[in-house]
């Protein structure tokens, strides 16, 4: 990790607020189901990264999608896959490990 990495980190807390303020938005948790069951952000749907291609996702490519995982690595991959699939508004929120809001346990 470089000395300036903190300047470019995604703020998942702000991102979740943006999700909550965006009508029609979908929040995707791309972690394994076991991790989702332990702790997840309210209102999120669990779509593990490996099943993203088969998942039932919004038909409208203009639907705002917000994606998170544990550390940010899988969410980054998922955001790329979703953009390549034609979704125009994809936001990578990074990792839940940096989230300070309410979670479902």
C-alpha atoms as a PDB file:
ATOM      1  CA  UNK A   1       0.000   0.000   0.000  1.00  0.00           C
ATOM      2  CA  UNK A   2       1.462   3.334  -1.067  1.00  0.00           C
ATOM      3  CA  UNK A   3       1.683   6.485   0.989  1.00  0.00           C
ATOM      4  CA  UNK A   4      -1.055   8.221  -1.055  1.00  0.00           C
ATOM      5  CA  UNK A   5      -3.523   5.303  -1.319  1.00  0.00           C
ATOM      6  CA  UNK A   6      -5.796   6.816   1.320  1.00  0.00           C
ATOM      7  CA  UNK A   7      -6.430   9.729  -1.042  1.00  0.00           C
ATOM      8  CA  UNK A   8      -7.987   7.413  -3.627  1.00  0.00           C
ATOM      9  CA  UNK A   9      -9.943   5.037  -1.377  1.00  0.00           C
ATOM     10  CA  UNK A  10     -13.658   4.681  -1.944  1.00  0.00           C
ATOM     11  CA  UNK A  11     -15.737   5.839   1.012  1.00  0.00           C
ATOM     12  CA  UNK A  12     -18.310   3.054   1.368  1.00  0.00           C
ATOM     13  CA  UNK A  13     -20.170   5.063   3.991  1.00  0.00           C
ATOM     14  CA  UNK A  14     -20.786   7.932   1.598  1.00  0.00           C
ATOM     15  CA  UNK A  15     -21.539   5.431  -1.167  1.00  0.00           C
ATOM     16  CA  UNK A  16     -24.262   3.732   0.886  1.00  0.00           C
ATOM     17  CA  UNK A  17     -25.837   7.129   1.562  1.00  0.00           C
ATOM     18  CA  UNK A  18     -25.756   7.793  -2.207  1.00  0.00           C
ATOM     19  CA  UNK A  19     -27.428   4.413  -2.795  1.00  0.00           C
ATOM     20  CA  UNK A  20     -30.139   5.267  -0.269  1.00  0.00           C
ATOM     21  CA  UNK A  21     -30.711   8.644  -1.946  1.00  0.00           C
ATOM     22  CA  UNK A  22     -30.906   7.202  -5.485  1.00  0.00           C
ATOM     23  CA  UNK A  23     -34.420   6.137  -6.522  1.00  0.00           C
ATOM     24  CA  UNK A  24     -34.540   2.671  -8.088  1.00  0.00           C
ATOM     25  CA  UNK A  25     -30.939   1.846  -7.197  1.00  0.00           C
ATOM     26  CA  UNK A  26     -29.848  -1.718  -6.430  1.00  0.00           C
ATOM     27  CA  UNK A  27     -27.182  -2.587  -3.839  1.00  0.00           C
ATOM     28  CA  UNK A  28     -25.257  -5.780  -4.628  1.00  0.00           C
ATOM     29  CA  UNK A  29     -23.076  -7.686  -2.165  1.00  0.00           C
ATOM     30  CA  UNK A  30     -20.787  -9.907  -4.260  1.00  0.00           C
ATOM     31  CA  UNK A  31     -19.338 -11.946  -1.374  1.00  0.00           C
ATOM     32  CA  UNK A  32     -20.011 -15.627  -0.674  1.00  0.00           C
ATOM     33  CA  UNK A  33     -23.430 -16.412   0.830  1.00  0.00           C
ATOM     34  CA  UNK A  34     -21.845 -17.447   4.162  1.00  0.00           C
ATOM     35  CA  UNK A  35     -20.235 -14.025   4.578  1.00  0.00           C
ATOM     36  CA  UNK A  36     -23.432 -12.274   3.549  1.00  0.00           C
ATOM     37  CA  UNK A  37     -25.369 -14.281   6.157  1.00  0.00           C
ATOM     38  CA  UNK A  38     -22.954 -13.176   8.898  1.00  0.00           C
ATOM     39  CA  UNK A  39     -23.091  -9.454   8.177  1.00  0.00           C
ATOM     40  CA  UNK A  40     -24.453  -7.312   5.358  1.00  0.00           C
ATOM     41  CA  UNK A  41     -25.726  -3.833   4.621  1.00  0.00           C
ATOM     42  CA  UNK A  42     -29.528  -3.505   4.912  1.00  0.00           C
ATOM     43  CA  UNK A  43     -31.241  -3.461   1.526  1.00  0.00           C
ATOM     44  CA  UNK A  44     -28.460  -5.328  -0.267  1.00  0.00           C
ATOM     45  CA  UNK A  45     -28.901  -8.389  -2.461  1.00  0.00           C
ATOM     46  CA  UNK A  46     -26.361 -11.201  -2.323  1.00  0.00           C
ATOM     47  CA  UNK A  47     -25.056 -12.018  -5.801  1.00  0.00           C
ATOM     48  CA  UNK A  48     -21.715 -13.807  -5.426  1.00  0.00           C
ATOM     49  CA  UNK A  49     -19.142 -12.701  -7.991  1.00  0.00           C
ATOM     50  CA  UNK A  50     -18.968 -16.172  -9.564  1.00  0.00           C
ATOM     51  CA  UNK A  51     -22.711 -16.147 -10.261  1.00  0.00           C
ATOM     52  CA  UNK A  52     -22.960 -12.598 -11.578  1.00  0.00           C
ATOM     53  CA  UNK A  53     -23.429 -13.709 -15.206  1.00  0.00           C
ATOM     54  CA  UNK A  54     -26.400 -15.936 -14.296  1.00  0.00           C
ATOM     55  CA  UNK A  55     -27.935 -13.621 -11.704  1.00  0.00           C
ATOM     56  CA  UNK A  56     -31.311 -12.027 -12.153  1.00  0.00           C
ATOM     57  CA  UNK A  57     -30.256  -8.410 -12.558  1.00  0.00           C
ATOM     58  CA  UNK A  58     -32.349  -5.406 -13.576  1.00  0.00           C
ATOM     59  CA  UNK A  59     -33.343  -5.502 -17.252  1.00  0.00           C
ATOM     60  CA  UNK A  60     -32.882  -1.747 -17.617  1.00  0.00           C
ATOM     61  CA  UNK A  61     -29.189  -0.930 -18.220  1.00  0.00           C
ATOM     62  CA  UNK A  62     -29.843   2.564 -16.819  1.00  0.00           C
ATOM     63  CA  UNK A  63     -30.609   1.143 -13.350  1.00  0.00           C
ATOM     64  CA  UNK A  64     -28.053   2.507 -10.872  1.00  0.00           C
ATOM     65  CA  UNK A  65     -26.052  -0.377  -9.380  1.00  0.00           C
ATOM     66  CA  UNK A  66     -23.920  -0.081  -6.249  1.00  0.00           C
ATOM     67  CA  UNK A  67     -21.525  -2.976  -5.540  1.00  0.00           C
ATOM     68  CA  UNK A  68     -19.525  -3.957  -2.443  1.00  0.00           C
ATOM     69  CA  UNK A  69     -17.619  -6.949  -1.065  1.00  0.00           C
ATOM     70  CA  UNK A  70     -15.292  -7.490   1.907  1.00  0.00           C
ATOM     71  CA  UNK A  71     -12.155  -5.593   0.927  1.00  0.00           C
ATOM     72  CA  UNK A  72     -12.930  -4.057  -2.469  1.00  0.00           C
ATOM     73  CA  UNK A  73     -11.205  -6.564  -4.780  1.00  0.00           C
ATOM     74  CA  UNK A  74     -14.310  -8.524  -5.807  1.00  0.00           C
ATOM     75  CA  UNK A  75     -16.456  -5.403  -6.036  1.00  0.00           C
ATOM     76  CA  UNK A  76     -13.918  -3.912  -8.442  1.00  0.00           C
ATOM     77  CA  UNK A  77     -14.166  -7.043 -10.627  1.00  0.00           C
ATOM     78  CA  UNK A  78     -17.959  -7.065 -10.395  1.00  0.00           C
ATOM     79  CA  UNK A  79     -18.197  -3.395 -11.394  1.00  0.00           C
ATOM     80  CA  UNK A  80     -16.077  -4.106 -14.474  1.00  0.00           C
ATOM     81  CA  UNK A  81     -18.242  -7.100 -15.433  1.00  0.00           C
ATOM     82  CA  UNK A  82     -21.427  -5.075 -14.988  1.00  0.00           C
ATOM     83  CA  UNK A  83     -20.096  -2.195 -17.094  1.00  0.00           C
ATOM     84  CA  UNK A  84     -19.046  -4.652 -19.811  1.00  0.00           C
ATOM     85  CA  UNK A  85     -22.572  -6.098 -19.667  1.00  0.00           C
ATOM     86  CA  UNK A  86     -23.903  -2.657 -20.553  1.00  0.00           C
ATOM     87  CA  UNK A  87     -24.930  -1.161 -17.224  1.00  0.00           C
ATOM     88  CA  UNK A  88     -24.342   2.565 -17.477  1.00  0.00           C
ATOM     89  CA  UNK A  89     -24.389   3.563 -13.797  1.00  0.00           C
ATOM     90  CA  UNK A  90     -22.227   1.220 -11.719  1.00  0.00           C
ATOM     91  CA  UNK A  91     -20.596   2.399  -8.502  1.00  0.00           C
ATOM     92  CA  UNK A  92     -17.930   0.317  -6.779  1.00  0.00           C
ATOM     93  CA  UNK A  93     -18.308   0.977  -3.050  1.00  0.00           C
ATOM     94  CA  UNK A  94     -15.310  -1.096  -2.013  1.00  0.00           C
ATOM     95  CA  UNK A  95     -15.252  -3.187   1.148  1.00  0.00           C
ATOM     96  CA  UNK A  96     -17.724  -3.591   3.979  1.00  0.00           C
ATOM     97  CA  UNK A  97     -14.701  -3.811   6.293  1.00  0.00           C
ATOM     98  CA  UNK A  98     -14.639   0.024   6.128  1.00  0.00           C
ATOM     99  CA  UNK A  99     -18.396   0.452   6.685  1.00  0.00           C
ATOM    100  CA  UNK A 100     -19.501   2.109   9.921  1.00  0.00           C
ATOM    101  CA  UNK A 101     -23.270   2.103   9.461  1.00  0.00           C
ATOM    102  CA  UNK A 102     -25.992  -0.307  10.498  1.00  0.00           C
ATOM    103  CA  UNK A 103     -25.588  -3.913   9.372  1.00  0.00           C
ATOM    104  CA  UNK A 104     -27.805  -6.969   9.444  1.00  0.00           C
ATOM    105  CA  UNK A 105     -26.310  -9.816  11.478  1.00  0.00           C
END
